[in-house]
Amino acid sequence: MKSSRKLKYLTSLVLAVILFLVFVFVDKYFSVTNITVDSPDNAGMIFGLEDYRHSNLVLLSTDEMAKTLKKQNPEVKEVSVVKVYPQTVIVKISLYKPLAAVDNGDGYLYLSDDGRILNRSSKNSLSLPVIHYYQKLNQYLFVVGDWINFQDMNFALHFIKTMSDLNLAVDQVDINGADMILCKIGNRQVVFTTEKSTQLQDYELEQIVRQFKIDGKEFKSLDLRFEKPVVKF
């Protein structure tokens, strides 16, 4: 009986040692030692990458890693993580490009096309279109990395991009409420509204601009808030 118990004990001990050695071997063999950043935008320093060095590649959640990196790096727009066994992680990154600067009284907030705050600056050093909002954005509620999800602000960003695609370089946007998004282009202006879909206003603007180019005309003021756009020359 004693010898049988002793044998079982030794067998269990040997199995435990073997399992431990296998675990150590696997953990070390699949330990992340190479982290490669693949970015067409020449991404610089990406915070948080080193937190994943020496982690277990098998147990690593690529989705969670992507979410964490995007949260820690406001300039990052899209992240995808690819495992390459046994020890490599490839992080594919695309970066935001600042689209506009919100004048917040004591400085500027650089915004992406989807309303994410990319940076703060004391001046508009990038010469971006400047958005004047009817109220100051609370600096304690909005920090770098946050998204501004105001409908009128999102509409303004959308139309800045739309006009840029039509070679209309916006200098300034005045948002005085949902029914008044005034975009200034030199000595010309275009007025948008949140009461109509962006798609409809995009279509109306594009058709008018193209027709005026064909006719060799330039508008002074274009108001898209109404059922039929109002044009002044």
Protein backbone atom coordinates (compact mmCIF):
# COMPACT_ATOMS: atom_id res chain seq x y z
CA MET A 1 0.00 0.00 0.00
CA LYS A 2 2.74 2.41 1.00
CA SER A 3 4.74 1.65 -2.12
CA SER A 4 1.61 2.12 -4.27
CA ARG A 5 0.92 5.53 -2.71
CA LYS A 6 4.56 6.47 -3.09
CA LEU A 7 4.43 5.49 -6.77
CA LYS A 8 1.28 7.55 -7.34
CA TYR A 9 2.89 10.49 -5.60
CA LEU A 10 6.05 10.25 -7.70
CA THR A 11 3.99 9.85 -10.86
CA SER A 12 1.94 12.94 -10.04
CA LEU A 13 5.10 14.87 -9.22
CA VAL A 14 6.75 13.88 -12.49
CA LEU A 15 3.64 14.83 -14.46
CA ALA A 16 3.47 18.19 -12.68
CA VAL A 17 7.13 18.88 -13.47
CA ILE A 18 6.62 17.89 -17.10
CA LEU A 19 3.55 20.11 -17.42
CA PHE A 20 5.40 22.97 -15.79
CA LEU A 21 8.35 22.57 -18.17
CA VAL A 22 5.99 22.40 -21.15
CA PHE A 23 4.22 25.55 -19.97
CA VAL A 24 7.53 27.38 -19.54
CA PHE A 25 8.72 26.24 -22.96
CA VAL A 26 5.47 27.23 -24.70
CA ASP A 27 5.31 30.56 -22.88
CA LYS A 28 8.86 31.38 -23.87
CA TYR A 29 8.55 30.03 -27.41
CA PHE A 30 5.44 32.16 -28.10
CA SER A 31 6.68 35.22 -26.23
CA VAL A 32 6.35 38.39 -28.33
CA THR A 33 9.83 39.67 -29.13
CA ASN A 34 9.17 41.50 -32.41
CA ILE A 35 6.61 44.29 -32.83
CA THR A 36 6.53 45.83 -36.29
CA VAL A 37 4.57 48.96 -37.24
CA ASP A 38 3.25 49.04 -40.79
CA SER A 39 1.95 52.49 -41.72
CA PRO A 40 1.61 54.29 -45.07
CA ASP A 41 1.54 57.56 -43.10
CA ASN A 42 5.00 57.06 -41.56
CA ALA A 43 3.65 56.87 -38.03
CA GLY A 44 6.13 58.06 -35.44
CA MET A 45 6.12 57.11 -31.78
CA ILE A 46 3.17 54.86 -30.94
CA PHE A 47 2.49 54.69 -27.23
CA GLY A 48 1.64 51.38 -25.60
CA LEU A 49 3.47 49.00 -27.93
CA GLU A 50 6.07 48.02 -25.35
CA ASP A 51 3.31 46.90 -23.00
CA TYR A 52 2.82 43.89 -25.28
CA ARG A 53 6.44 42.86 -25.57
CA HIS A 54 7.05 39.46 -23.92
CA SER A 55 3.30 38.77 -23.75
CA ASN A 56 2.06 35.38 -24.87
CA LEU A 57 1.20 35.49 -28.57
CA VAL A 58 -1.31 32.65 -28.26
CA LEU A 59 -3.29 34.42 -25.54
CA LEU A 60 -2.99 37.89 -27.06
CA SER A 61 -6.33 39.43 -28.13
CA THR A 62 -5.73 41.38 -31.34
CA ASP A 63 -9.04 43.25 -30.99
CA GLU A 64 -8.30 44.40 -27.46
CA MET A 65 -4.78 45.43 -28.41
CA ALA A 66 -6.11 47.48 -31.34
CA LYS A 67 -8.71 49.23 -29.13
CA THR A 68 -6.13 50.05 -26.47
CA LEU A 69 -3.60 51.45 -28.94
CA LYS A 70 -6.25 53.62 -30.60
CA LYS A 71 -7.33 54.98 -27.22
CA GLN A 72 -3.76 55.77 -26.16
CA ASN A 73 -2.86 57.44 -29.47
CA PRO A 74 -5.35 60.14 -30.54
CA GLU A 75 -3.65 60.60 -33.91
CA VAL A 76 -4.34 56.98 -34.86
CA LYS A 77 -7.45 56.51 -37.01
CA GLU A 78 -7.42 52.79 -37.75
CA VAL A 79 -5.50 49.91 -36.16
CA SER A 80 -5.35 46.24 -37.04
CA VAL A 81 -3.13 43.69 -35.33
CA VAL A 82 -1.80 40.57 -37.05
CA LYS A 83 -0.12 37.65 -35.29
CA VAL A 84 2.84 36.03 -37.01
CA TYR A 85 3.85 32.93 -35.12
CA PRO A 86 5.86 32.22 -33.15
CA GLN A 87 6.97 35.64 -31.79
CA THR A 88 5.94 38.55 -34.03
CA VAL A 89 3.12 41.08 -33.99
CA ILE A 90 2.47 43.37 -36.96
CA VAL A 91 0.53 46.53 -36.14
CA LYS A 92 -1.04 48.15 -39.20
CA ILE A 93 -1.84 51.81 -38.58
CA SER A 94 -3.40 54.69 -40.48
CA LEU A 95 -3.30 58.21 -39.06
CA TYR A 96 -5.81 61.01 -38.92
CA LYS A 97 -5.18 64.21 -40.81
CA PRO A 98 -6.46 67.33 -39.02
CA LEU A 99 -9.34 68.85 -40.98
CA ALA A 100 -10.28 71.95 -38.99
CA ALA A 101 -9.40 74.00 -35.93
CA VAL A 102 -12.04 75.06 -33.41
CA ASP A 103 -11.41 78.50 -31.95
CA ASN A 104 -12.06 77.92 -28.26
CA GLY A 105 -11.21 81.40 -27.04
CA ASP A 106 -7.93 80.57 -25.34
CA GLY A 107 -6.59 78.37 -28.14
CA TYR A 108 -7.52 75.90 -30.84
CA LEU A 109 -8.67 72.30 -30.94
CA TYR A 110 -7.52 70.38 -34.00
CA LEU A 111 -10.29 68.08 -35.21
CA SER A 112 -10.35 65.09 -37.54
CA ASP A 113 -13.07 64.53 -40.14
CA ASP A 114 -15.06 62.44 -37.62
CA GLY A 115 -14.80 65.01 -34.82
CA ARG A 116 -11.93 63.54 -32.79
CA ILE A 117 -9.75 66.03 -30.92
CA LEU A 118 -6.24 65.39 -32.18
CA ASN A 119 -4.38 68.15 -30.41
CA ARG A 120 -4.56 71.51 -28.66
CA SER A 121 -2.61 74.54 -29.79
CA SER A 122 -2.28 78.18 -28.78
CA LYS A 123 -2.45 79.15 -32.47
CA ASN A 124 -3.63 77.74 -35.77
CA SER A 125 -0.14 76.93 -36.98
CA LEU A 126 -1.44 74.46 -39.60
CA SER A 127 -3.60 77.15 -41.26
CA LEU A 128 -6.67 74.93 -41.05
CA PRO A 129 -10.24 76.13 -41.64
CA VAL A 130 -11.29 77.79 -38.38
CA ILE A 131 -14.64 76.88 -36.81
CA HIS A 132 -16.27 79.48 -34.58
CA TYR A 133 -18.77 77.69 -32.37
CA TYR A 134 -21.54 79.60 -30.57
CA GLN A 135 -20.39 78.30 -27.20
CA LYS A 136 -17.01 77.58 -25.69
CA LEU A 137 -16.16 73.89 -25.31
CA ASN A 138 -15.45 72.97 -21.69
CA GLN A 139 -11.79 71.95 -21.46
CA TYR A 140 -12.60 69.56 -18.62
CA LEU A 141 -15.23 67.73 -20.65
CA PHE A 142 -13.27 67.55 -23.89
CA VAL A 143 -9.69 66.34 -23.86
CA VAL A 144 -7.32 65.18 -26.58
CA GLY A 145 -8.55 61.83 -27.88
CA ASP A 146 -12.24 62.53 -27.26
CA TRP A 147 -14.85 62.85 -29.99
CA ILE A 148 -17.13 65.89 -30.26
CA ASN A 149 -20.51 64.41 -31.13
CA PHE A 150 -22.48 67.60 -31.72
CA GLN A 151 -24.64 67.29 -34.81
CA ASP A 152 -23.94 70.80 -36.08
CA MET A 153 -20.20 70.37 -35.56
CA ASN A 154 -20.22 67.04 -37.41
CA PHE A 155 -22.18 68.60 -40.27
CA ALA A 156 -19.66 71.44 -40.45
CA LEU A 157 -16.74 69.01 -40.67
CA HIS A 158 -18.55 67.03 -43.34
CA PHE A 159 -19.15 70.13 -45.49
CA ILE A 160 -15.57 71.35 -45.09
CA LYS A 161 -14.44 68.06 -46.59
CA THR A 162 -17.11 68.19 -49.31
CA MET A 163 -16.05 71.65 -50.40
CA SER A 164 -12.39 70.70 -50.31
CA ASP A 165 -13.19 67.86 -52.72
CA LEU A 166 -14.78 70.50 -54.99
CA ASN A 167 -11.63 72.66 -54.77
CA LEU A 168 -13.38 75.19 -52.54
CA ALA A 169 -10.92 76.02 -49.77
CA VAL A 170 -12.87 77.01 -46.65
CA ASP A 171 -11.29 79.74 -44.54
CA GLN A 172 -13.81 79.98 -41.74
CA VAL A 173 -17.02 78.36 -40.47
CA ASP A 174 -19.47 80.15 -38.20
CA ILE A 175 -21.93 77.85 -36.41
CA ASN A 176 -24.77 79.90 -34.99
CA GLY A 177 -27.21 77.05 -34.37
CA ALA A 178 -28.57 74.06 -36.24
CA ASP A 179 -30.02 76.23 -39.01
CA MET A 180 -26.92 78.31 -39.69
CA ILE A 181 -23.62 76.73 -40.68
CA LEU A 182 -21.91 79.53 -42.57
CA CYS A 183 -18.80 78.60 -44.55
CA LYS A 184 -16.63 81.41 -45.86
CA ILE A 185 -14.44 80.93 -48.93
CA GLY A 186 -12.55 84.16 -49.48
CA ASN A 187 -15.23 86.76 -50.25
CA ARG A 188 -17.84 84.08 -50.97
CA GLN A 189 -20.03 82.10 -48.61
CA VAL A 190 -22.12 78.94 -48.50
CA VAL A 191 -24.81 78.38 -45.87
CA PHE A 192 -25.78 74.85 -44.80
CA THR A 193 -28.28 73.44 -42.32
CA THR A 194 -28.76 70.30 -40.22
CA GLU A 195 -32.43 70.29 -41.20
CA LYS A 196 -31.60 68.72 -44.57
CA SER A 197 -29.53 65.60 -45.19
CA THR A 198 -25.85 66.00 -45.93
CA GLN A 199 -26.30 63.90 -49.07
CA LEU A 200 -28.91 66.26 -50.52
CA GLN A 201 -26.88 69.37 -49.73
CA ASP A 202 -23.74 67.74 -51.16
CA TYR A 203 -25.64 66.98 -54.37
CA GLU A 204 -27.07 70.50 -54.66
CA LEU A 205 -23.69 72.11 -54.03
CA GLU A 206 -21.89 69.86 -56.51
CA GLN A 207 -24.46 70.47 -59.26
CA ILE A 208 -24.41 74.24 -58.79
CA VAL A 209 -20.62 74.49 -58.68
CA ARG A 210 -20.19 72.35 -61.79
CA GLN A 211 -22.84 74.28 -63.72
CA PHE A 212 -21.26 77.60 -62.80
CA LYS A 213 -17.87 76.36 -64.00
CA ILE A 214 -19.43 75.40 -67.33
CA ASP A 215 -21.11 78.83 -67.59
CA GLY A 216 -18.02 80.69 -66.39
CA LYS A 217 -19.87 82.20 -63.43
CA GLU A 218 -19.01 82.66 -59.77
CA PHE A 219 -21.53 83.01 -56.97
CA LYS A 220 -21.18 85.46 -54.11
CA SER A 221 -23.56 83.68 -51.77
CA LEU A 222 -25.17 80.24 -51.85
CA ASP A 223 -27.83 79.29 -49.30
CA LEU A 224 -28.80 75.60 -49.20
CA ARG A 225 -31.14 75.78 -46.23
CA PHE A 226 -34.28 76.01 -48.32
CA GLU A 227 -36.11 73.61 -50.60
CA LYS A 228 -34.62 75.43 -53.56
CA PRO A 229 -31.08 76.81 -53.09
CA VAL A 230 -30.80 80.59 -53.10
CA VAL A 231 -27.95 81.99 -55.17
CA LYS A 232 -26.62 85.55 -55.18
CA PHE A 233 -24.08 86.85 -57.67
